[in-house]
Amino acid sequence: MCATVVVTVLVCGGLLTAAALVPAPTVVMPFIAVSCVGLPMMASWELHRSVVILRMTGGVRRRRGEARLLQDMRRYLDQLPETEHPLGH
């Protein structure tokens, strides 16, 4: 969701810049301005919910911590000596 909002803002900014630099018809300019301001505002409304969820769940930092913990556990298991199965299997 965060990447979608960033892409929306960049595309709308580029469209508004292109419409201002390349003479767009004056009738179309208000519609372009309203949509280029309104769409990022609507996208940011959804972004707030996504940021709240990321903060509640720990987001990327938590996953990195879990990955580090898993890596440490695997390293510990690799240090343990190999033993034969008690039944010989």
C-alpha atoms as a PDB file:
ATOM      1  CA  MET A   1       0.000   0.000   0.000  1.00  0.00           C
ATOM      2  CA  CYS A   2       2.834   2.367   0.832  1.00  0.00           C
ATOM      3  CA  ALA A   3       4.444   1.808  -2.567  1.00  0.00           C
ATOM      4  CA  THR A   4       1.095   2.376  -4.294  1.00  0.00           C
ATOM      5  CA  VAL A   5       0.706   5.742  -2.576  1.00  0.00           C
ATOM      6  CA  VAL A   6       4.221   6.777  -3.577  1.00  0.00           C
ATOM      7  CA  VAL A   7       3.578   5.803  -7.204  1.00  0.00           C
ATOM      8  CA  THR A   8       0.236   7.662  -7.169  1.00  0.00           C
ATOM      9  CA  VAL A   9       1.859  10.838  -5.854  1.00  0.00           C
ATOM     10  CA  LEU A  10       4.674  10.654  -8.417  1.00  0.00           C
ATOM     11  CA  VAL A  11       2.335  10.011 -11.350  1.00  0.00           C
ATOM     12  CA  CYS A  12      -0.043  12.792 -10.324  1.00  0.00           C
ATOM     13  CA  GLY A  13       2.842  15.199  -9.805  1.00  0.00           C
ATOM     14  CA  GLY A  14       4.238  14.341 -13.218  1.00  0.00           C
ATOM     15  CA  LEU A  15       0.842  14.734 -14.870  1.00  0.00           C
ATOM     16  CA  LEU A  16       0.272  18.107 -13.226  1.00  0.00           C
ATOM     17  CA  THR A  17       3.752  19.282 -14.201  1.00  0.00           C
ATOM     18  CA  ALA A  18       3.300  18.111 -17.791  1.00  0.00           C
ATOM     19  CA  ALA A  19      -0.098  19.795 -18.022  1.00  0.00           C
ATOM     20  CA  ALA A  20       1.376  23.057 -16.745  1.00  0.00           C
ATOM     21  CA  LEU A  21       4.487  22.990 -18.952  1.00  0.00           C
ATOM     22  CA  VAL A  22       2.823  21.786 -22.133  1.00  0.00           C
ATOM     23  CA  PRO A  23      -0.067  24.129 -22.765  1.00  0.00           C
ATOM     24  CA  ALA A  24      -3.140  22.059 -21.925  1.00  0.00           C
ATOM     25  CA  PRO A  25      -6.574  23.332 -22.924  1.00  0.00           C
ATOM     26  CA  THR A  26      -7.873  25.745 -20.320  1.00  0.00           C
ATOM     27  CA  VAL A  27     -11.124  23.772 -20.018  1.00  0.00           C
ATOM     28  CA  VAL A  28      -9.241  20.613 -18.990  1.00  0.00           C
ATOM     29  CA  MET A  29      -6.808  22.263 -16.555  1.00  0.00           C
ATOM     30  CA  PRO A  30      -9.220  22.477 -13.559  1.00  0.00           C
ATOM     31  CA  PHE A  31     -10.095  18.767 -13.913  1.00  0.00           C
ATOM     32  CA  ILE A  32      -6.421  17.826 -14.039  1.00  0.00           C
ATOM     33  CA  ALA A  33      -5.648  19.971 -11.003  1.00  0.00           C
ATOM     34  CA  VAL A  34      -8.528  18.539  -8.972  1.00  0.00           C
ATOM     35  CA  SER A  35      -7.683  14.941  -9.847  1.00  0.00           C
ATOM     36  CA  CYS A  36      -3.938  15.426  -9.276  1.00  0.00           C
ATOM     37  CA  VAL A  37      -4.611  16.824  -5.815  1.00  0.00           C
ATOM     38  CA  GLY A  38      -7.596  14.626  -4.929  1.00  0.00           C
ATOM     39  CA  LEU A  39      -6.178  11.223  -5.852  1.00  0.00           C
ATOM     40  CA  PRO A  40      -3.099  11.479  -3.609  1.00  0.00           C
ATOM     41  CA  MET A  41      -5.356  12.740  -0.791  1.00  0.00           C
ATOM     42  CA  MET A  42      -7.623   9.693  -1.155  1.00  0.00           C
ATOM     43  CA  ALA A  43      -4.591   7.409  -1.303  1.00  0.00           C
ATOM     44  CA  SER A  44      -3.159   8.951   1.870  1.00  0.00           C
ATOM     45  CA  TRP A  45      -6.419   8.177   3.646  1.00  0.00           C
ATOM     46  CA  GLU A  46      -5.776   4.476   3.057  1.00  0.00           C
ATOM     47  CA  LEU A  47      -2.098   4.931   3.893  1.00  0.00           C
ATOM     48  CA  HIS A  48      -2.927   5.996   7.442  1.00  0.00           C
ATOM     49  CA  ARG A  49      -4.609   2.653   8.120  1.00  0.00           C
ATOM     50  CA  SER A  50      -1.637   0.749   6.657  1.00  0.00           C
ATOM     51  CA  VAL A  51       0.870   2.683   8.767  1.00  0.00           C
ATOM     52  CA  VAL A  52      -1.170   2.000  11.912  1.00  0.00           C
ATOM     53  CA  ILE A  53      -1.209  -1.724  11.122  1.00  0.00           C
ATOM     54  CA  LEU A  54       2.544  -1.738  10.457  1.00  0.00           C
ATOM     55  CA  ARG A  55       3.187  -0.016  13.775  1.00  0.00           C
ATOM     56  CA  MET A  56       0.937  -2.432  15.677  1.00  0.00           C
ATOM     57  CA  THR A  57       2.508  -5.552  14.173  1.00  0.00           C
ATOM     58  CA  GLY A  58       6.095  -4.327  14.305  1.00  0.00           C
ATOM     59  CA  GLY A  59       6.363  -4.053  10.522  1.00  0.00           C
ATOM     60  CA  VAL A  60       9.678  -4.728   8.839  1.00  0.00           C
ATOM     61  CA  ARG A  61      11.783  -4.398  11.993  1.00  0.00           C
ATOM     62  CA  ARG A  62       9.996  -7.301  13.663  1.00  0.00           C
ATOM     63  CA  ARG A  63      10.537  -9.539  10.646  1.00  0.00           C
ATOM     64  CA  ARG A  64      14.234  -8.654  10.613  1.00  0.00           C
ATOM     65  CA  GLY A  65      14.450  -9.493  14.308  1.00  0.00           C
ATOM     66  CA  GLU A  66      12.741 -12.824  13.718  1.00  0.00           C
ATOM     67  CA  ALA A  67      15.087 -13.564  10.829  1.00  0.00           C
ATOM     68  CA  ARG A  68      18.079 -12.801  13.055  1.00  0.00           C
ATOM     69  CA  LEU A  69      16.709 -15.040  15.791  1.00  0.00           C
ATOM     70  CA  LEU A  70      16.155 -17.862  13.301  1.00  0.00           C
ATOM     71  CA  GLN A  71      19.688 -17.422  11.981  1.00  0.00           C
ATOM     72  CA  ASP A  72      21.104 -17.569  15.517  1.00  0.00           C
ATOM     73  CA  MET A  73      19.119 -20.732  16.272  1.00  0.00           C
ATOM     74  CA  ARG A  74      20.361 -22.417  13.088  1.00  0.00           C
ATOM     75  CA  ARG A  75      23.936 -21.436  13.926  1.00  0.00           C
ATOM     76  CA  TYR A  76      23.521 -22.976  17.385  1.00  0.00           C
ATOM     77  CA  LEU A  77      22.112 -26.187  15.873  1.00  0.00           C
ATOM     78  CA  ASP A  78      25.040 -26.391  13.455  1.00  0.00           C
ATOM     79  CA  GLN A  79      27.445 -26.337  16.422  1.00  0.00           C
ATOM     80  CA  LEU A  80      25.846 -29.391  18.057  1.00  0.00           C
ATOM     81  CA  PRO A  81      27.669 -32.696  17.489  1.00  0.00           C
ATOM     82  CA  GLU A  82      26.109 -35.321  15.244  1.00  0.00           C
ATOM     83  CA  THR A  83      25.029 -38.498  17.040  1.00  0.00           C
ATOM     84  CA  GLU A  84      23.925 -41.893  15.835  1.00  0.00           C
ATOM     85  CA  HIS A  85      20.274 -42.849  16.074  1.00  0.00           C
ATOM     86  CA  PRO A  86      19.729 -45.052  19.146  1.00  0.00           C
ATOM     87  CA  LEU A  87      17.943 -47.747  17.116  1.00  0.00           C
ATOM     88  CA  GLY A  88      20.503 -47.704  14.307  1.00  0.00           C
ATOM     89  CA  HIS A  89      18.175 -46.267  11.617  1.00  0.00           C
END
